[in-house]
């Protein structure tokens, strides 16, 4: 699977603005998409605040059609 979205520190994680933006993305966008099965979350470590990688699941492509789909590269399956 290729990561769809990865939350990696782009600035100082102790910065309040960074933390607010990070948790907004996780709690309001990525976590609900994970709960309903559209995304698969992989934590880099067991640390609660660790980086996460999000990948689209097969359910995503079965249920959603987006204008940007034409830009996607088909993944190779072996």
PDB file of N, CA and C in Angstrom:
ATOM      1  N   UNK A   1       0.827  -1.179   0.000  1.00  0.00           N
ATOM      2  CA  UNK A   1       0.000   0.000   0.000  1.00  0.00           C
ATOM      3  C   UNK A   1       0.876   1.248   0.000  1.00  0.00           C
ATOM      4  N   UNK A   2       0.454   2.239  -0.745  1.00  0.00           N
ATOM      5  CA  UNK A   2       1.132   3.532  -0.737  1.00  0.00           C
ATOM      6  C   UNK A   2       0.419   4.452   0.246  1.00  0.00           C
ATOM      7  N   UNK A   3       1.180   5.209   1.018  1.00  0.00           N
ATOM      8  CA  UNK A   3       0.539   6.141   1.943  1.00  0.00           C
ATOM      9  C   UNK A   3      -0.260   7.196   1.191  1.00  0.00           C
ATOM     10  N   UNK A   4      -1.474   7.441   1.662  1.00  0.00           N
ATOM     11  CA  UNK A   4      -2.287   8.503   1.096  1.00  0.00           C
ATOM     12  C   UNK A   4      -1.913   9.822   1.764  1.00  0.00           C
ATOM     13  N   UNK A   5      -1.684   9.741   3.055  1.00  0.00           N
ATOM     14  CA  UNK A   5      -1.410  10.940   3.817  1.00  0.00           C
ATOM     15  C   UNK A   5      -0.536  10.548   4.988  1.00  0.00           C
ATOM     16  N   UNK A   6       0.467  11.281   5.240  1.00  0.00           N
ATOM     17  CA  UNK A   6       1.363  10.982   6.343  1.00  0.00           C
ATOM     18  C   UNK A   6       1.509  12.222   7.201  1.00  0.00           C
ATOM     19  N   UNK A   7       1.332  12.047   8.486  1.00  0.00           N
ATOM     20  CA  UNK A   7       1.507  13.161   9.409  1.00  0.00           C
ATOM     21  C   UNK A   7       2.902  13.064  10.006  1.00  0.00           C
ATOM     22  N   UNK A   8       3.776  13.875   9.509  1.00  0.00           N
ATOM     23  CA  UNK A   8       5.133  13.909  10.023  1.00  0.00           C
ATOM     24  C   UNK A   8       5.433  15.344  10.438  1.00  0.00           C
ATOM     25  N   UNK A   9       6.207  15.493  11.480  1.00  0.00           N
ATOM     26  CA  UNK A   9       6.493  16.850  11.949  1.00  0.00           C
ATOM     27  C   UNK A   9       7.142  17.705  10.871  1.00  0.00           C
ATOM     28  N   UNK A  10       6.520  18.816  10.567  1.00  0.00           N
ATOM     29  CA  UNK A  10       7.072  19.767   9.616  1.00  0.00           C
ATOM     30  C   UNK A  10       7.667  20.967  10.349  1.00  0.00           C
ATOM     31  N   UNK A  11       7.338  21.067  11.603  1.00  0.00           N
ATOM     32  CA  UNK A  11       7.881  22.144  12.424  1.00  0.00           C
ATOM     33  C   UNK A  11       8.063  21.594  13.830  1.00  0.00           C
ATOM     34  N   UNK A  12       8.304  22.456  14.752  1.00  0.00           N
ATOM     35  CA  UNK A  12       8.532  22.046  16.134  1.00  0.00           C
ATOM     36  C   UNK A  12       7.239  21.521  16.756  1.00  0.00           C
ATOM     37  N   UNK A  13       7.188  20.219  17.133  1.00  0.00           N
ATOM     38  CA  UNK A  13       5.971  19.653  17.718  1.00  0.00           C
ATOM     39  C   UNK A  13       5.554  20.310  19.025  1.00  0.00           C
ATOM     40  N   UNK A  14       6.457  21.041  19.669  1.00  0.00           N
ATOM     41  CA  UNK A  14       6.070  21.720  20.908  1.00  0.00           C
ATOM     42  C   UNK A  14       5.341  23.037  20.621  1.00  0.00           C
ATOM     43  N   UNK A  15       5.331  23.457  19.358  1.00  0.00           N
ATOM     44  CA  UNK A  15       4.636  24.680  18.955  1.00  0.00           C
ATOM     45  C   UNK A  15       3.125  24.465  19.038  1.00  0.00           C
ATOM     46  N   UNK A  16       2.448  25.365  19.723  1.00  0.00           N
ATOM     47  CA  UNK A  16       0.999  25.232  19.953  1.00  0.00           C
ATOM     48  C   UNK A  16       0.206  25.203  18.643  1.00  0.00           C
ATOM     49  N   UNK A  17       0.547  26.055  17.697  1.00  0.00           N
ATOM     50  CA  UNK A  17      -0.159  26.110  16.418  1.00  0.00           C
ATOM     51  C   UNK A  17       0.000  24.787  15.658  1.00  0.00           C
ATOM     52  N   UNK A  18       1.207  24.230  15.688  1.00  0.00           N
ATOM     53  CA  UNK A  18       1.448  22.938  15.041  1.00  0.00           C
ATOM     54  C   UNK A  18       0.571  21.852  15.675  1.00  0.00           C
ATOM     55  N   UNK A  19       0.571  21.776  17.003  1.00  0.00           N
ATOM     56  CA  UNK A  19      -0.216  20.744  17.697  1.00  0.00           C
ATOM     57  C   UNK A  19      -1.699  20.882  17.413  1.00  0.00           C
ATOM     58  N   UNK A  20      -2.219  22.108  17.404  1.00  0.00           N
ATOM     59  CA  UNK A  20      -3.643  22.317  17.120  1.00  0.00           C
ATOM     60  C   UNK A  20      -3.992  21.838  15.709  1.00  0.00           C
ATOM     61  N   UNK A  21      -3.167  22.171  14.736  1.00  0.00           N
ATOM     62  CA  UNK A  21      -3.403  21.752  13.357  1.00  0.00           C
ATOM     63  C   UNK A  21      -3.304  20.237  13.230  1.00  0.00           C
ATOM     64  N   UNK A  22      -2.304  19.646  13.843  1.00  0.00           N
ATOM     65  CA  UNK A  22      -2.092  18.197  13.811  1.00  0.00           C
ATOM     66  C   UNK A  22      -3.311  17.461  14.370  1.00  0.00           C
ATOM     67  N   UNK A  23      -3.741  17.833  15.563  1.00  0.00           N
ATOM     68  CA  UNK A  23      -4.863  17.125  16.189  1.00  0.00           C
ATOM     69  C   UNK A  23      -6.187  17.411  15.502  1.00  0.00           C
ATOM     70  N   UNK A  24      -6.346  18.578  14.888  1.00  0.00           N
ATOM     71  CA  UNK A  24      -7.547  18.820  14.097  1.00  0.00           C
ATOM     72  C   UNK A  24      -7.625  17.818  12.950  1.00  0.00           C
ATOM     73  N   UNK A  25      -6.512  17.636  12.237  1.00  0.00           N
ATOM     74  CA  UNK A  25      -6.489  16.678  11.121  1.00  0.00           C
ATOM     75  C   UNK A  25      -6.773  15.264  11.599  1.00  0.00           C
ATOM     76  N   UNK A  26      -6.153  14.863  12.673  1.00  0.00           N
ATOM     77  CA  UNK A  26      -6.325  13.500  13.172  1.00  0.00           C
ATOM     78  C   UNK A  26      -7.753  13.282  13.653  1.00  0.00           C
ATOM     79  N   UNK A  27      -8.254  14.149  14.518  1.00  0.00           N
ATOM     80  CA  UNK A  27      -9.545  13.900  15.153  1.00  0.00           C
ATOM     81  C   UNK A  27     -10.751  14.192  14.269  1.00  0.00           C
ATOM     82  N   UNK A  28     -10.645  15.135  13.358  1.00  0.00           N
ATOM     83  CA  UNK A  28     -11.810  15.520  12.563  1.00  0.00           C
ATOM     84  C   UNK A  28     -11.816  14.993  11.140  1.00  0.00           C
ATOM     85  N   UNK A  29     -10.691  14.516  10.652  1.00  0.00           N
ATOM     86  CA  UNK A  29     -10.622  14.044   9.271  1.00  0.00           C
ATOM     87  C   UNK A  29     -10.172  12.582   9.208  1.00  0.00           C
ATOM     88  N   UNK A  30      -8.969  12.327   9.670  1.00  0.00           N
ATOM     89  CA  UNK A  30      -8.377  11.003   9.475  1.00  0.00           C
ATOM     90  C   UNK A  30      -8.999   9.918  10.349  1.00  0.00           C
ATOM     91  N   UNK A  31      -9.224  10.186  11.626  1.00  0.00           N
ATOM     92  CA  UNK A  31      -9.796   9.167  12.517  1.00  0.00           C
ATOM     93  C   UNK A  31     -11.190   8.730  12.071  1.00  0.00           C
ATOM     94  N   UNK A  32     -12.112   9.645  11.740  1.00  0.00           N
ATOM     95  CA  UNK A  32     -13.425   9.183  11.259  1.00  0.00           C
ATOM     96  C   UNK A  32     -13.330   8.355   9.970  1.00  0.00           C
ATOM     97  N   UNK A  33     -12.438   8.725   9.058  1.00  0.00           N
ATOM     98  CA  UNK A  33     -12.272   7.928   7.838  1.00  0.00           C
ATOM     99  C   UNK A  33     -11.711   6.545   8.148  1.00  0.00           C
ATOM    100  N   UNK A  34     -10.908   6.444   9.199  1.00  0.00           N
ATOM    101  CA  UNK A  34     -10.391   5.150   9.643  1.00  0.00           C
ATOM    102  C   UNK A  34     -11.506   4.327  10.276  1.00  0.00           C
ATOM    103  N   UNK A  35     -12.335   4.941  11.105  1.00  0.00           N
ATOM    104  CA  UNK A  35     -13.427   4.234  11.773  1.00  0.00           C
ATOM    105  C   UNK A  35     -14.404   3.608  10.784  1.00  0.00           C
ATOM    106  N   UNK A  36     -14.692   4.307   9.690  1.00  0.00           N
ATOM    107  CA  UNK A  36     -15.668   3.757   8.742  1.00  0.00           C
ATOM    108  C   UNK A  36     -15.032   2.845   7.696  1.00  0.00           C
ATOM    109  N   UNK A  37     -13.705   2.690   7.772  1.00  0.00           N
ATOM    110  CA  UNK A  37     -13.040   1.707   6.928  1.00  0.00           C
ATOM    111  C   UNK A  37     -12.461   2.228   5.625  1.00  0.00           C
ATOM    112  N   UNK A  38     -12.438   3.540   5.433  1.00  0.00           N
ATOM    113  CA  UNK A  38     -11.877   4.105   4.203  1.00  0.00           C
ATOM    114  C   UNK A  38     -10.355   4.234   4.262  1.00  0.00           C
ATOM    115  N   UNK A  39      -9.800   4.337   5.468  1.00  0.00           N
ATOM    116  CA  UNK A  39      -8.358   4.467   5.640  1.00  0.00           C
ATOM    117  C   UNK A  39      -7.846   3.400   6.604  1.00  0.00           C
ATOM    118  N   UNK A  40      -6.593   3.046   6.413  1.00  0.00           N
ATOM    119  CA  UNK A  40      -5.901   2.141   7.318  1.00  0.00           C
ATOM    120  C   UNK A  40      -4.788   2.939   7.976  1.00  0.00           C
ATOM    121  N   UNK A  41      -4.746   2.913   9.299  1.00  0.00           N
ATOM    122  CA  UNK A  41      -3.757   3.685  10.046  1.00  0.00           C
ATOM    123  C   UNK A  41      -2.627   2.769  10.511  1.00  0.00           C
ATOM    124  N   UNK A  42      -1.393   3.207  10.292  1.00  0.00           N
ATOM    125  CA  UNK A  42      -0.224   2.489  10.792  1.00  0.00           C
ATOM    126  C   UNK A  42       0.567   3.458  11.650  1.00  0.00           C
ATOM    127  N   UNK A  43       0.767   3.068  12.899  1.00  0.00           N
ATOM    128  CA  UNK A  43       1.568   3.907  13.798  1.00  0.00           C
ATOM    129  C   UNK A  43       3.022   3.494  13.678  1.00  0.00           C
ATOM    130  N   UNK A  44       3.880   4.466  13.649  1.00  0.00           N
ATOM    131  CA  UNK A  44       5.309   4.221  13.508  1.00  0.00           C
ATOM    132  C   UNK A  44       5.873   3.584  14.779  1.00  0.00           C
ATOM    133  N   UNK A  45       5.305   3.907  15.936  1.00  0.00           N
ATOM    134  CA  UNK A  45       5.702   3.293  17.199  1.00  0.00           C
ATOM    135  C   UNK A  45       4.469   3.217  18.094  1.00  0.00           C
ATOM    136  N   UNK A  46       4.629   2.625  19.259  1.00  0.00           N
ATOM    137  CA  UNK A  46       3.515   2.505  20.198  1.00  0.00           C
ATOM    138  C   UNK A  46       3.245   3.800  20.959  1.00  0.00           C
ATOM    139  N   UNK A  47       4.101   4.763  20.793  1.00  0.00           N
ATOM    140  CA  UNK A  47       3.925   6.059  21.433  1.00  0.00           C
ATOM    141  C   UNK A  47       2.635   6.693  20.926  1.00  0.00           C
ATOM    142  N   UNK A  48       1.783   7.133  21.817  1.00  0.00           N
ATOM    143  CA  UNK A  48       0.486   7.714  21.457  1.00  0.00           C
ATOM    144  C   UNK A  48       0.630   8.923  20.536  1.00  0.00           C
ATOM    145  N   UNK A  49       1.711   9.665  20.695  1.00  0.00           N
ATOM    146  CA  UNK A  49       1.926  10.873  19.899  1.00  0.00           C
ATOM    147  C   UNK A  49       2.820  10.624  18.694  1.00  0.00           C
ATOM    148  N   UNK A  50       3.091   9.363  18.403  1.00  0.00           N
ATOM    149  CA  UNK A  50       4.016   9.034  17.317  1.00  0.00           C
ATOM    150  C   UNK A  50       3.408   9.348  15.954  1.00  0.00           C
ATOM    151  N   UNK A  51       4.291   9.421  14.966  1.00  0.00           N
ATOM    152  CA  UNK A  51       3.852   9.636  13.590  1.00  0.00           C
ATOM    153  C   UNK A  51       2.961   8.490  13.141  1.00  0.00           C
ATOM    154  N   UNK A  52       2.054   8.800  12.235  1.00  0.00           N
ATOM    155  CA  UNK A  52       1.139   7.809  11.686  1.00  0.00           C
ATOM    156  C   UNK A  52       1.167   7.901  10.172  1.00  0.00           C
ATOM    157  N   UNK A  53       0.902   6.791   9.529  1.00  0.00           N
ATOM    158  CA  UNK A  53       0.790   6.762   8.076  1.00  0.00           C
ATOM    159  C   UNK A  53      -0.606   6.248   7.760  1.00  0.00           C
ATOM    160  N   UNK A  54      -1.307   6.931   6.855  1.00  0.00           N
ATOM    161  CA  UNK A  54      -2.666   6.554   6.470  1.00  0.00           C
ATOM    162  C   UNK A  54      -2.679   6.113   5.014  1.00  0.00           C
ATOM    163  N   UNK A  55      -3.297   4.965   4.754  1.00  0.00           N
ATOM    164  CA  UNK A  55      -3.404   4.433   3.391  1.00  0.00           C
ATOM    165  C   UNK A  55      -4.880   4.186   3.079  1.00  0.00           C
ATOM    166  N   UNK A  56      -5.247   4.421   1.831  1.00  0.00           N
ATOM    167  CA  UNK A  56      -6.608   4.136   1.390  1.00  0.00           C
ATOM    168  C   UNK A  56      -6.826   2.631   1.382  1.00  0.00           C
ATOM    169  N   UNK A  57      -8.038   2.213   1.765  1.00  0.00           N
ATOM    170  CA  UNK A  57      -8.402   0.804   1.709  1.00  0.00           C
ATOM    171  C   UNK A  57      -9.167   0.532   0.414  1.00  0.00           C
ATOM    172  N   UNK A  58      -9.455  -0.739   0.148  1.00  0.00           N
ATOM    173  CA  UNK A  58     -10.242  -1.082  -1.036  1.00  0.00           C
ATOM    174  C   UNK A  58     -11.647  -0.492  -0.963  1.00  0.00           C
ATOM    175  N   UNK A  59     -12.162  -0.343   0.262  1.00  0.00           N
ATOM    176  CA  UNK A  59     -13.494   0.244   0.437  1.00  0.00           C
ATOM    177  C   UNK A  59     -13.530   1.678  -0.098  1.00  0.00           C
ATOM    178  N   UNK A  60     -12.449   2.392   0.033  1.00  0.00           N
ATOM    179  CA  UNK A  60     -12.373   3.773  -0.470  1.00  0.00           C
ATOM    180  C   UNK A  60     -12.719   3.803  -1.952  1.00  0.00           C
ATOM    181  N   UNK A  61     -12.027   2.986  -2.741  1.00  0.00           N
ATOM    182  CA  UNK A  61     -12.235   3.021  -4.194  1.00  0.00           C
ATOM    183  C   UNK A  61     -13.585   2.444  -4.606  1.00  0.00           C
ATOM    184  N   UNK A  62     -14.145   1.562  -3.796  1.00  0.00           N
ATOM    185  CA  UNK A  62     -15.463   0.991  -4.110  1.00  0.00           C
ATOM    186  C   UNK A  62     -16.593   1.972  -3.831  1.00  0.00           C
ATOM    187  N   UNK A  63     -16.395   2.861  -2.868  1.00  0.00           N
ATOM    188  CA  UNK A  63     -17.480   3.748  -2.432  1.00  0.00           C
ATOM    189  C   UNK A  63     -17.335   5.202  -2.876  1.00  0.00           C
ATOM    190  N   UNK A  64     -16.123   5.641  -3.151  1.00  0.00           N
ATOM    191  CA  UNK A  64     -15.901   7.049  -3.450  1.00  0.00           C
ATOM    192  C   UNK A  64     -15.364   7.239  -4.860  1.00  0.00           C
ATOM    193  N   UNK A  65     -15.887   8.215  -5.549  1.00  0.00           N
ATOM    194  CA  UNK A  65     -15.366   8.633  -6.842  1.00  0.00           C
ATOM    195  C   UNK A  65     -15.062  10.123  -6.724  1.00  0.00           C
ATOM    196  N   UNK A  66     -13.800  10.459  -6.907  1.00  0.00           N
ATOM    197  CA  UNK A  66     -13.379  11.843  -6.738  1.00  0.00           C
ATOM    198  C   UNK A  66     -12.858  12.412  -8.052  1.00  0.00           C
ATOM    199  N   UNK A  67     -12.929  13.719  -8.192  1.00  0.00           N
ATOM    200  CA  UNK A  67     -12.413  14.387  -9.391  1.00  0.00           C
ATOM    201  C   UNK A  67     -10.924  14.135  -9.593  1.00  0.00           C
ATOM    202  N   UNK A  68     -10.215  13.912  -8.498  1.00  0.00           N
ATOM    203  CA  UNK A  68      -8.767  13.723  -8.571  1.00  0.00           C
ATOM    204  C   UNK A  68      -8.359  12.281  -8.865  1.00  0.00           C
ATOM    205  N   UNK A  69      -9.295  11.373  -8.993  1.00  0.00           N
ATOM    206  CA  UNK A  69      -8.971   9.962  -9.241  1.00  0.00           C
ATOM    207  C   UNK A  69      -8.161   9.765 -10.517  1.00  0.00           C
ATOM    208  N   UNK A  70      -8.330  10.616 -11.486  1.00  0.00           N
ATOM    209  CA  UNK A  70      -7.604  10.456 -12.752  1.00  0.00           C
ATOM    210  C   UNK A  70      -6.103  10.667 -12.581  1.00  0.00           C
ATOM    211  N   UNK A  71      -5.704  11.281 -11.467  1.00  0.00           N
ATOM    212  CA  UNK A  71      -4.285  11.522 -11.198  1.00  0.00           C
ATOM    213  C   UNK A  71      -3.613  10.367 -10.456  1.00  0.00           C
ATOM    214  N   UNK A  72      -4.394   9.413 -10.010  1.00  0.00           N
ATOM    215  CA  UNK A  72      -3.842   8.300  -9.253  1.00  0.00           C
ATOM    216  C   UNK A  72      -3.109   7.327 -10.169  1.00  0.00           C
ATOM    217  N   UNK A  73      -2.054   6.781  -9.643  1.00  0.00           N
ATOM    218  CA  UNK A  73      -1.291   5.757 -10.364  1.00  0.00           C
ATOM    219  C   UNK A  73      -1.742   4.405  -9.813  1.00  0.00           C
ATOM    220  N   UNK A  74      -2.096   3.501 -10.703  1.00  0.00           N
ATOM    221  CA  UNK A  74      -2.547   2.185 -10.282  1.00  0.00           C
ATOM    222  C   UNK A  74      -1.385   1.437  -9.651  1.00  0.00           C
ATOM    223  N   UNK A  75      -1.631   0.845  -8.479  1.00  0.00           N
ATOM    224  CA  UNK A  75      -0.560   0.111  -7.804  1.00  0.00           C
ATOM    225  C   UNK A  75      -0.373  -1.252  -8.449  1.00  0.00           C
ATOM    226  N   UNK A  76       0.839  -1.720  -8.417  1.00  0.00           N
ATOM    227  CA  UNK A  76       1.177  -3.016  -8.985  1.00  0.00           C
ATOM    228  C   UNK A  76       0.887  -4.101  -7.971  1.00  0.00           C
ATOM    229  N   UNK A  77       0.185  -5.141  -8.389  1.00  0.00           N
ATOM    230  CA  UNK A  77      -0.121  -6.268  -7.507  1.00  0.00           C
ATOM    231  C   UNK A  77       0.612  -7.494  -8.024  1.00  0.00           C
ATOM    232  N   UNK A  78       1.274  -8.143  -7.112  1.00  0.00           N
ATOM    233  CA  UNK A  78       2.040  -9.339  -7.475  1.00  0.00           C
ATOM    234  C   UNK A  78       1.324 -10.591  -7.022  1.00  0.00           C
TER     235      UNK A  78
END
